[in-house]
Amino acid sequence: MSSAPPLIFAPGESGELATAVARQSGIELAPLEDQAFEEGEFKLRPLVSVRDRSVFVVQSLAASPDVAVSQRLIRLLFLLFGLRDAGASRVTAVVPYLSYARTDRRTQLRDPVNTRYVAQLLETTGLDRLVCLDVHNPAALDNAFRIPVDHLSAIPMFVRHFAERLGDDDLAVASPDVGGIKRAQIFREMLSAQLRRDVDMVFVEKRRTQGAVSGGAVVGASTGRTVIVIDDLCASGETLLRAATALREAGAKTIHVAFTHAPLARGLLAVAASKDITSLVTTDSVGPETTRAVTNTATLTKLHMAPLLGEAIRHMVAGAPLAPLLNRWPPIGS
C-alpha cells in the first residue's frame, strides 16, 4: 500500500472553488486533463498516478453559463469512475451543492424520487464517502445512500455574522415555510447560545398545490422586531420574497435573509432587489459565478466555504470526526 499523500481533483467548472479548498486543506490540487470534443463528449484524465492513493473530488452541482446541471453530474460520475479504474484506494466526493436533493419523496402518484436515483448513480462509481453542505433534507439523503454521508453546515458562520451585527437588536428567527422549521430552530438555538439570551421563533405559512404557491400567514411575534429569515437555498427567490412581504405586513422592523446556496443568479438578484429585505447573506457553495451577478455589495454578504471544506478534508485525512465542525466556525479565509 502506497504511503503517498492524498490528492484533490476537480473538473474545470469547479476549479476556482477547488483551488481555494485545496489551499485551505494543505493538499495538492492535482492536474487533470479536461478535453472537450465537438459533439459534446469529453475526457477527464488524472495526469498523476492515483494508484493506492486516497483522492478527493470537488464538484458543485449547480448550473453555470457553460455547464448544465446534468452535464456537471455526468462529469462528476465519469471522473469518479476513472479514478477508481486508475487504482485509487479511496474516493471521497466533496459536493457542496447537491442537485436533485429537493425531489426526495413522492407527493403525488408516479412522482420520481430523484435523490435516490442520484445516490444510486454515485454509489455505482465505487464512491466511498460523500460530503455535502446544507442539503435540503439530511434525513432523506441519509436514507437514500448506503455509503457514509457527512453533512456540513454554514449555520455557525451565519450565527457569527448576525451576532456581530445585530446582537443588540430585539431579534426573531423565521423559517419561510413549515418544512424549514428544523433548520431555523437549529440556527435560533445557536444564536441564543452565542448571545446568551433567548431569541424567539416565527414561521411563515406556505402551501403548494399543483405547483402553485399560496399562503402567507405569520405564526409568532414579529411586530417591531429585527427578523432573520434562514433557508437552505434560493432558486427563483419566490419563497423568500413571499416570506419577506408577509413579515413586513406583520410589522417586522427590518428583515435580513440568509441561505447557503444560490444556484440561480436570477433568484439571487430578485431577493437582492427587494425593498422588504435589508440585507442578505449567502455562500459561494455553487462557485463564484452566481454571487458575482449582484453588484450591490452593501446588500449582499458572501461567506467563503473553502475554510470549512478544507478543514473537513484535513479531519478526514487524519481520521478525525467531522461532528465538531457542526458546532463552530473554521478560521476565516478565502
Protein backbone atom coordinates (compact mmCIF):
# COMPACT_ATOMS: atom_id res chain seq x y z
CA MET A 1 0.00 0.00 0.00
CA SER A 2 1.34 3.41 -1.01
CA SER A 3 2.16 5.93 1.71
CA ALA A 4 1.82 8.81 -0.76
CA PRO A 5 -0.27 11.78 0.44
CA PRO A 6 -3.86 12.23 -0.75
CA LEU A 7 -4.79 14.29 -3.80
CA ILE A 8 -7.64 16.63 -4.72
CA PHE A 9 -9.15 16.70 -8.21
CA ALA A 10 -11.82 18.91 -9.74
CA PRO A 11 -13.38 19.34 -13.19
CA GLY A 12 -12.68 22.72 -14.75
CA GLU A 13 -16.06 24.22 -13.87
CA SER A 14 -15.27 23.78 -10.16
CA GLY A 15 -11.63 24.74 -10.47
CA GLU A 16 -11.81 28.09 -8.64
CA LEU A 17 -13.65 26.65 -5.64
CA ALA A 18 -11.41 23.55 -5.59
CA THR A 19 -8.25 25.67 -5.70
CA ALA A 20 -9.37 27.53 -2.58
CA VAL A 21 -10.37 24.27 -0.85
CA ALA A 22 -7.02 22.68 -1.67
CA ARG A 23 -5.18 25.72 -0.31
CA GLN A 24 -7.11 25.53 2.95
CA SER A 25 -6.65 21.77 3.28
CA GLY A 26 -2.92 21.83 2.62
CA ILE A 27 -3.33 19.12 -0.03
CA GLU A 28 -2.19 19.36 -3.63
CA LEU A 29 -4.77 20.15 -6.32
CA ALA A 30 -3.69 17.54 -8.83
CA PRO A 31 -3.56 18.22 -12.59
CA LEU A 32 -6.37 16.86 -14.70
CA GLU A 33 -6.70 16.60 -18.46
CA ASP A 34 -10.10 18.07 -19.29
CA GLN A 35 -10.65 17.67 -23.00
CA ALA A 36 -13.87 18.61 -24.80
CA PHE A 37 -14.96 17.25 -28.18
CA GLU A 38 -17.16 18.98 -30.74
CA GLU A 39 -20.11 16.61 -30.35
CA GLY A 40 -20.37 17.33 -26.63
CA GLU A 41 -18.35 14.38 -25.36
CA PHE A 42 -15.40 14.88 -23.03
CA LYS A 43 -12.47 13.18 -21.37
CA LEU A 44 -11.29 13.67 -17.79
CA ARG A 45 -7.94 12.01 -17.04
CA PRO A 46 -5.69 12.38 -13.97
CA LEU A 47 -2.21 13.44 -15.05
CA VAL A 48 -0.53 11.91 -11.99
CA SER A 49 -0.68 8.39 -10.62
CA VAL A 50 -3.51 7.72 -8.18
CA ARG A 51 -2.76 4.05 -7.61
CA ASP A 52 -3.26 3.11 -3.94
CA ARG A 53 -3.85 6.76 -3.06
CA SER A 54 -6.77 8.44 -1.33
CA VAL A 55 -8.37 11.05 -3.56
CA PHE A 56 -10.97 13.79 -3.07
CA VAL A 57 -13.09 15.19 -5.89
CA VAL A 58 -14.62 18.67 -5.52
CA GLN A 59 -17.63 19.36 -7.73
CA SER A 60 -20.64 21.57 -7.01
CA LEU A 61 -23.71 20.50 -8.95
CA ALA A 62 -25.21 23.86 -9.85
CA ALA A 63 -25.58 25.12 -13.39
CA SER A 64 -23.12 27.66 -14.75
CA PRO A 65 -23.32 29.63 -18.02
CA ASP A 66 -21.27 26.97 -19.81
CA VAL A 67 -22.13 23.72 -17.99
CA ALA A 68 -25.67 22.48 -17.24
CA VAL A 69 -26.54 20.64 -14.03
CA SER A 70 -26.92 17.33 -15.85
CA GLN A 71 -23.52 17.80 -17.51
CA ARG A 72 -21.89 18.58 -14.17
CA LEU A 73 -23.35 15.41 -12.70
CA ILE A 74 -22.22 13.16 -15.52
CA ARG A 75 -18.74 14.72 -15.50
CA LEU A 76 -18.51 14.01 -11.77
CA LEU A 77 -19.63 10.41 -12.33
CA PHE A 78 -17.14 9.82 -15.14
CA LEU A 79 -14.29 11.30 -13.10
CA LEU A 80 -15.14 9.11 -10.12
CA PHE A 81 -15.27 6.02 -12.35
CA GLY A 82 -11.95 6.97 -13.95
CA LEU A 83 -10.17 7.48 -10.63
CA ARG A 84 -11.38 4.12 -9.35
CA ASP A 85 -10.33 2.42 -12.59
CA ALA A 86 -6.89 4.08 -12.28
CA GLY A 87 -6.37 2.36 -8.93
CA ALA A 88 -7.35 4.94 -6.30
CA SER A 89 -7.67 3.19 -2.95
CA ARG A 90 -10.31 5.51 -1.54
CA VAL A 91 -12.51 8.07 -3.28
CA THR A 92 -14.40 10.84 -1.49
CA ALA A 93 -16.68 13.29 -3.28
CA VAL A 94 -16.99 16.77 -1.80
CA VAL A 95 -20.19 18.17 -3.30
CA PRO A 96 -21.08 21.49 -1.61
CA TYR A 97 -24.31 21.85 -3.56
CA LEU A 98 -26.04 18.57 -4.41
CA SER A 99 -28.62 18.97 -7.17
CA TYR A 100 -31.84 16.95 -7.30
CA ALA A 101 -31.90 16.82 -3.49
CA ARG A 102 -35.29 18.55 -3.25
CA THR A 103 -37.12 15.72 -5.03
CA ASP A 104 -36.66 13.34 -2.12
CA ARG A 105 -40.13 11.79 -1.77
CA ARG A 106 -43.36 11.19 -3.66
CA THR A 107 -46.01 13.86 -3.12
CA GLN A 108 -48.33 12.60 -5.86
CA LEU A 109 -48.80 9.49 -7.98
CA ARG A 110 -45.84 8.41 -10.11
CA ASP A 111 -43.52 11.09 -8.75
CA PRO A 112 -39.83 10.27 -9.26
CA VAL A 113 -37.50 10.17 -6.25
CA ASN A 114 -34.51 11.87 -7.84
CA THR A 115 -32.46 11.95 -4.63
CA ARG A 116 -32.42 8.16 -4.55
CA TYR A 117 -31.54 7.93 -8.24
CA VAL A 118 -28.56 10.26 -7.79
CA ALA A 119 -27.46 8.20 -4.78
CA GLN A 120 -27.56 5.01 -6.84
CA LEU A 121 -25.55 6.61 -9.64
CA LEU A 122 -22.86 7.87 -7.27
CA GLU A 123 -22.63 4.54 -5.44
CA THR A 124 -22.19 2.70 -8.75
CA THR A 125 -18.87 4.52 -9.28
CA GLY A 126 -17.43 2.84 -6.18
CA LEU A 127 -17.54 6.05 -4.17
CA ASP A 128 -16.52 5.54 -0.54
CA ARG A 129 -17.81 8.73 1.08
CA LEU A 130 -19.85 11.80 0.24
CA VAL A 131 -19.57 15.24 1.87
CA CYS A 132 -22.35 17.79 1.32
CA LEU A 133 -23.25 21.21 2.63
CA ASP A 134 -26.72 22.11 3.99
CA VAL A 135 -28.73 19.62 1.96
CA HIS A 136 -32.46 20.22 1.70
CA ASN A 137 -33.41 17.16 3.78
CA PRO A 138 -30.48 15.44 5.55
CA ALA A 139 -32.62 12.52 6.76
CA ALA A 140 -33.87 11.77 3.25
CA LEU A 141 -30.31 11.87 1.90
CA ASP A 142 -29.08 9.51 4.61
CA ASN A 143 -31.86 7.09 3.74
CA ALA A 144 -31.04 7.28 0.02
CA PHE A 145 -27.35 6.36 0.40
CA ARG A 146 -25.74 3.16 1.60
CA ILE A 147 -22.31 4.78 1.95
CA PRO A 148 -21.32 7.30 4.66
CA VAL A 149 -22.69 10.79 4.02
CA ASP A 150 -21.36 13.75 6.01
CA HIS A 151 -23.50 16.87 6.30
CA LEU A 152 -21.65 20.15 6.86
CA SER A 153 -23.41 23.44 7.52
CA ALA A 154 -22.91 27.16 7.06
CA ILE A 155 -25.20 27.88 10.02
CA PRO A 156 -22.35 28.55 12.51
CA MET A 157 -21.00 31.19 10.10
CA PHE A 158 -24.44 32.77 9.78
CA VAL A 159 -24.69 32.84 13.58
CA ARG A 160 -21.40 34.70 13.92
CA HIS A 161 -22.30 37.13 11.14
CA PHE A 162 -25.60 38.18 12.68
CA ALA A 163 -24.40 38.06 16.30
CA GLU A 164 -21.70 40.58 15.45
CA ARG A 165 -24.02 42.91 13.52
CA LEU A 166 -27.44 42.56 15.13
CA GLY A 167 -26.62 41.32 18.62
CA ASP A 168 -28.20 44.31 20.37
CA ASP A 169 -31.47 44.17 18.41
CA ASP A 170 -34.75 42.61 19.52
CA LEU A 171 -34.40 39.54 17.32
CA ALA A 172 -36.64 36.82 15.96
CA VAL A 173 -35.65 33.94 13.66
CA ALA A 174 -38.06 32.97 10.90
CA SER A 175 -38.48 29.96 8.66
CA PRO A 176 -40.02 30.88 5.28
CA ASP A 177 -42.12 27.71 5.37
CA VAL A 178 -43.06 24.84 7.66
CA GLY A 179 -40.53 22.50 6.02
CA GLY A 180 -37.61 24.66 7.16
CA ILE A 181 -38.58 24.92 10.82
CA LYS A 182 -35.97 22.40 11.98
CA ARG A 183 -33.19 24.31 10.22
CA ALA A 184 -34.37 27.64 11.63
CA GLN A 185 -34.64 26.11 15.09
CA ILE A 186 -31.01 24.96 14.98
CA PHE A 187 -29.96 28.46 13.92
CA ARG A 188 -32.10 30.03 16.67
CA GLU A 189 -30.61 27.79 19.36
CA MET A 190 -27.04 28.54 18.27
CA LEU A 191 -27.75 32.27 18.03
CA SER A 192 -29.35 32.26 21.51
CA ALA A 193 -26.31 30.48 22.92
CA GLN A 194 -23.95 32.96 21.24
CA LEU A 195 -25.91 35.99 22.53
CA ARG A 196 -26.63 34.36 25.91
CA ARG A 197 -30.30 35.28 25.72
CA ASP A 198 -33.45 33.83 24.22
CA VAL A 199 -34.30 34.53 20.60
CA ASP A 200 -37.89 33.86 19.54
CA MET A 201 -39.03 31.79 16.57
CA VAL A 202 -41.65 32.51 13.92
CA PHE A 203 -42.58 30.88 10.65
CA VAL A 204 -44.49 31.80 7.53
CA GLU A 205 -47.25 29.55 6.24
CA LYS A 206 -46.77 28.27 2.69
CA ARG A 207 -48.96 25.91 0.70
CA ARG A 208 -48.09 24.35 -2.64
CA THR A 209 -50.90 22.90 -4.78
CA GLN A 210 -50.10 21.56 -8.25
CA GLY A 211 -47.08 23.82 -8.47
CA ALA A 212 -48.91 26.96 -7.31
CA VAL A 213 -47.69 28.56 -4.07
CA SER A 214 -50.09 30.29 -1.72
CA GLY A 215 -50.39 31.22 1.94
CA GLY A 216 -48.51 33.85 3.88
CA ALA A 217 -49.82 33.88 7.44
CA VAL A 218 -47.10 34.63 10.01
CA VAL A 219 -47.13 32.42 13.10
CA GLY A 220 -45.28 34.01 16.03
CA ALA A 221 -44.46 37.52 17.22
CA SER A 222 -42.54 39.63 14.69
CA THR A 223 -44.00 43.11 15.25
CA GLY A 224 -41.30 45.71 15.88
CA ARG A 225 -38.53 43.13 15.70
CA THR A 226 -35.48 42.53 13.58
CA VAL A 227 -36.25 39.25 11.82
CA ILE A 228 -33.65 36.89 10.35
CA VAL A 229 -35.07 34.52 7.72
CA ILE A 230 -32.97 31.37 7.35
CA ASP A 231 -33.19 28.85 4.49
CA ASP A 232 -31.05 26.28 2.70
CA LEU A 233 -31.26 27.74 -0.80
CA CYS A 234 -32.68 30.44 -3.02
CA ALA A 235 -33.56 29.28 -6.53
CA SER A 236 -36.24 31.56 -8.00
CA GLY A 237 -36.46 33.60 -4.79
CA GLU A 238 -40.25 33.26 -4.68
CA THR A 239 -40.44 31.65 -1.23
CA LEU A 240 -38.13 34.20 0.40
CA LEU A 241 -39.84 37.16 -1.26
CA ARG A 242 -43.25 35.91 -0.15
CA ALA A 243 -41.96 35.44 3.39
CA ALA A 244 -40.39 38.92 3.49
CA THR A 245 -43.63 40.54 2.31
CA ALA A 246 -45.65 38.65 4.93
CA LEU A 247 -43.24 39.59 7.72
CA ARG A 248 -43.23 43.24 6.68
CA GLU A 249 -47.03 43.30 6.66
CA ALA A 250 -46.99 41.64 10.10
CA GLY A 251 -44.96 44.58 11.44
CA ALA A 252 -41.35 43.40 11.34
CA LYS A 253 -38.92 46.30 11.83
CA THR A 254 -36.24 45.02 9.45
CA ILE A 255 -35.79 41.73 7.60
CA HIS A 256 -32.49 40.00 6.94
CA VAL A 257 -32.20 36.85 4.84
CA ALA A 258 -29.57 34.09 4.95
CA PHE A 259 -29.34 30.99 2.77
CA THR A 260 -26.48 28.67 1.93
CA HIS A 261 -26.97 28.01 -1.77
CA ALA A 262 -27.71 30.40 -4.64
CA PRO A 263 -27.86 28.10 -7.69
CA LEU A 264 -29.60 30.66 -9.94
CA ALA A 265 -28.43 34.24 -10.44
CA ARG A 266 -31.95 35.45 -11.20
CA GLY A 267 -33.23 34.29 -7.81
CA LEU A 268 -30.39 35.98 -6.00
CA LEU A 269 -30.92 39.18 -7.96
CA ALA A 270 -34.64 39.16 -7.18
CA VAL A 271 -34.03 38.86 -3.44
CA ALA A 272 -31.26 41.48 -3.50
CA ALA A 273 -33.59 43.93 -5.25
CA SER A 274 -36.46 43.52 -2.76
CA LYS A 275 -37.34 46.68 -0.79
CA ASP A 276 -38.62 44.48 2.04
CA ILE A 277 -35.18 42.95 2.66
CA THR A 278 -32.48 44.98 4.40
CA SER A 279 -29.59 42.56 3.79
CA LEU A 280 -28.90 39.06 2.58
CA VAL A 281 -26.13 36.61 3.32
CA THR A 282 -25.17 33.60 1.23
CA THR A 283 -22.12 31.50 0.42
CA ASP A 284 -20.01 30.58 -2.60
CA SER A 285 -21.06 26.91 -2.36
CA VAL A 286 -22.04 26.79 -6.04
CA GLY A 287 -18.90 28.59 -7.16
CA PRO A 288 -18.32 32.30 -7.71
CA GLU A 289 -20.44 32.86 -10.83
CA THR A 290 -23.84 33.40 -9.23
CA THR A 291 -22.85 35.83 -6.50
CA ARG A 292 -20.87 37.92 -8.98
CA ALA A 293 -24.19 38.83 -10.58
CA VAL A 294 -25.03 41.02 -7.58
CA THR A 295 -23.09 44.27 -7.75
CA ASN A 296 -24.71 45.90 -4.69
CA THR A 297 -22.21 44.78 -2.08
CA ALA A 298 -23.98 46.87 0.56
CA THR A 299 -26.90 44.43 0.34
CA LEU A 300 -25.07 41.14 -0.19
CA THR A 301 -22.52 39.44 2.06
CA LYS A 302 -20.84 36.33 0.65
CA LEU A 303 -19.25 33.86 3.05
CA HIS A 304 -16.48 31.63 1.73
CA MET A 305 -16.88 27.88 2.19
CA ALA A 306 -13.29 26.88 1.38
CA PRO A 307 -12.11 27.14 5.03
CA LEU A 308 -14.89 24.80 6.20
CA LEU A 309 -14.44 22.32 3.34
CA GLY A 310 -10.66 22.40 3.65
CA GLU A 311 -10.81 21.76 7.38
CA ALA A 312 -13.24 18.89 6.78
CA ILE A 313 -10.76 17.29 4.38
CA ARG A 314 -7.96 17.68 6.95
CA HIS A 315 -10.16 15.94 9.53
CA MET A 316 -10.90 13.06 7.15
CA VAL A 317 -7.25 12.57 6.25
CA ALA A 318 -6.38 12.48 9.96
CA GLY A 319 -9.22 10.06 10.71
CA ALA A 320 -10.90 12.64 12.95
CA PRO A 321 -14.69 13.09 13.20
CA LEU A 322 -16.41 15.92 11.39
CA ALA A 323 -19.05 16.45 14.08
CA PRO A 324 -17.09 19.24 15.85
CA LEU A 325 -17.31 21.32 12.66
CA LEU A 326 -21.09 21.48 13.03
CA ASN A 327 -20.84 23.43 16.26
CA ARG A 328 -18.19 26.01 15.45
CA TRP A 329 -16.89 28.01 12.53
CA PRO A 330 -13.48 27.43 10.91
CA PRO A 331 -10.78 30.09 10.68
CA ILE A 332 -11.65 32.98 8.39
CA GLY A 333 -10.19 32.55 4.93
CA SER A 334 -10.98 32.99 1.27
